[in-house]
Amino acid sequence: MSAPAPAKNNDQAVPSTGSEAGGTWMRARVGDEIVVRGTAAGVIARDGEIVGLRHPDGGPPYDVRWIDSGRVTLYFPGPDAYIRHLVTGGDHVPAR
């Protein structure tokens, strides 16, 4: 998996890693970014914003607005995806 892209607009990027990344352990909030990086040659990388949740605990699938097209689709993340939690303002992310 490649390193996350730098944060935008003075937000801090906090990627989910380890047991939280991919699959059923992935958790998100509306406004988080989903990053998909292909593991095979020729697979196109995609980034999107999570605009809707289907489960109250933040588990997949997600409604994602894709940056490249602006289209909103229902997305079931695979092992090549991770969530970038954006922390703004005075919010604090506790150390793990």
Protein backbone atom coordinates (compact mmCIF):
# COMPACT_ATOMS: atom_id res chain seq x y z
CA MET A 1 0.00 0.00 0.00
CA SER A 2 1.34 3.45 -0.83
CA ALA A 3 1.64 6.27 1.66
CA PRO A 4 -1.35 8.57 2.04
CA ALA A 5 -1.39 11.83 0.10
CA PRO A 6 -0.72 15.03 2.05
CA ALA A 7 -3.65 16.61 3.87
CA LYS A 8 -5.56 19.43 2.20
CA ASN A 9 -6.64 22.83 3.54
CA ASN A 10 -4.78 22.55 6.85
CA ASP A 11 -6.63 19.36 7.76
CA GLN A 12 -4.69 16.51 9.29
CA ALA A 13 -4.88 13.16 7.55
CA VAL A 14 -5.15 10.17 9.84
CA PRO A 15 -5.21 6.96 7.77
CA SER A 16 -6.76 3.81 9.15
CA THR A 17 -4.21 1.04 9.22
CA GLY A 18 -3.82 -2.42 10.65
CA SER A 19 -6.97 -4.26 11.63
CA GLU A 20 -9.14 -1.21 10.82
CA ALA A 21 -8.05 -1.00 7.18
CA GLY A 22 -10.20 -2.85 4.66
CA GLY A 23 -12.92 -5.40 5.16
CA THR A 24 -15.41 -5.45 7.99
CA TRP A 25 -13.16 -3.60 10.46
CA MET A 26 -13.17 -0.43 8.37
CA ARG A 27 -15.07 2.45 10.02
CA ALA A 28 -15.80 5.87 8.53
CA ARG A 29 -17.64 9.13 9.09
CA VAL A 30 -19.32 11.35 6.54
CA GLY A 31 -16.63 13.68 5.19
CA ASP A 32 -13.79 11.14 5.48
CA GLU A 33 -11.87 10.28 2.33
CA ILE A 34 -11.65 6.81 0.85
CA VAL A 35 -8.41 6.03 -0.95
CA VAL A 36 -8.23 3.09 -3.34
CA ARG A 37 -4.81 2.02 -4.60
CA GLY A 38 -4.65 -0.92 -6.96
CA THR A 39 -2.21 -3.70 -6.24
CA ALA A 40 -1.84 -4.80 -9.87
CA ALA A 41 -0.30 -3.05 -12.85
CA GLY A 42 -2.79 -1.03 -14.84
CA VAL A 43 -5.27 -0.61 -11.98
CA ILE A 44 -6.40 3.00 -11.70
CA ALA A 45 -6.10 4.67 -8.30
CA ARG A 46 -9.20 6.52 -7.06
CA ASP A 47 -9.98 8.91 -4.25
CA GLY A 48 -13.40 9.91 -3.05
CA GLU A 49 -15.34 11.56 -0.25
CA ILE A 50 -17.70 9.53 1.91
CA VAL A 51 -21.05 11.32 1.62
CA GLY A 52 -23.31 8.70 3.18
CA LEU A 53 -23.23 5.79 5.59
CA ARG A 54 -25.47 2.72 5.47
CA HIS A 55 -24.71 1.58 9.05
CA PRO A 56 -24.68 3.65 12.26
CA ASP A 57 -21.32 2.16 13.32
CA GLY A 58 -19.59 3.53 10.18
CA GLY A 59 -19.06 0.12 8.60
CA PRO A 60 -19.18 -0.46 4.86
CA PRO A 61 -20.66 -0.07 2.32
CA TYR A 62 -20.41 3.69 1.78
CA ASP A 63 -21.93 6.27 -0.54
CA VAL A 64 -18.84 7.80 -2.15
CA ARG A 65 -18.50 10.90 -4.35
CA TRP A 66 -15.51 10.12 -6.57
CA ILE A 67 -13.08 13.01 -7.10
CA ASP A 68 -12.35 12.12 -10.74
CA SER A 69 -15.98 12.12 -11.92
CA GLY A 70 -18.09 13.78 -9.21
CA ARG A 71 -20.38 10.74 -9.43
CA VAL A 72 -21.82 9.21 -6.24
CA THR A 73 -21.84 5.41 -6.06
CA LEU A 74 -22.35 2.71 -3.47
CA TYR A 75 -18.88 1.34 -2.68
CA PHE A 76 -17.86 -1.87 -0.92
CA PRO A 77 -14.16 -1.41 -0.03
CA GLY A 78 -11.68 -4.17 -0.73
CA PRO A 79 -8.21 -4.82 0.66
CA ASP A 80 -6.73 -2.13 -1.61
CA ALA A 81 -8.74 0.66 0.09
CA TYR A 82 -8.29 2.64 3.27
CA ILE A 83 -10.05 5.51 5.03
CA ARG A 84 -8.35 8.85 5.60
CA HIS A 85 -10.04 10.44 8.60
CA LEU A 86 -9.90 14.21 8.30
CA VAL A 87 -9.53 16.09 11.53
CA THR A 88 -10.34 19.79 11.39
CA GLY A 89 -10.00 22.70 13.77
CA GLY A 90 -9.57 21.80 17.42
CA ASP A 91 -10.59 18.17 17.06
CA HIS A 92 -8.15 15.72 18.57
CA VAL A 93 -7.38 12.18 17.52
CA PRO A 94 -6.27 10.08 20.50
CA ALA A 95 -3.01 8.15 20.23
CA ARG A 96 -3.34 4.44 19.63
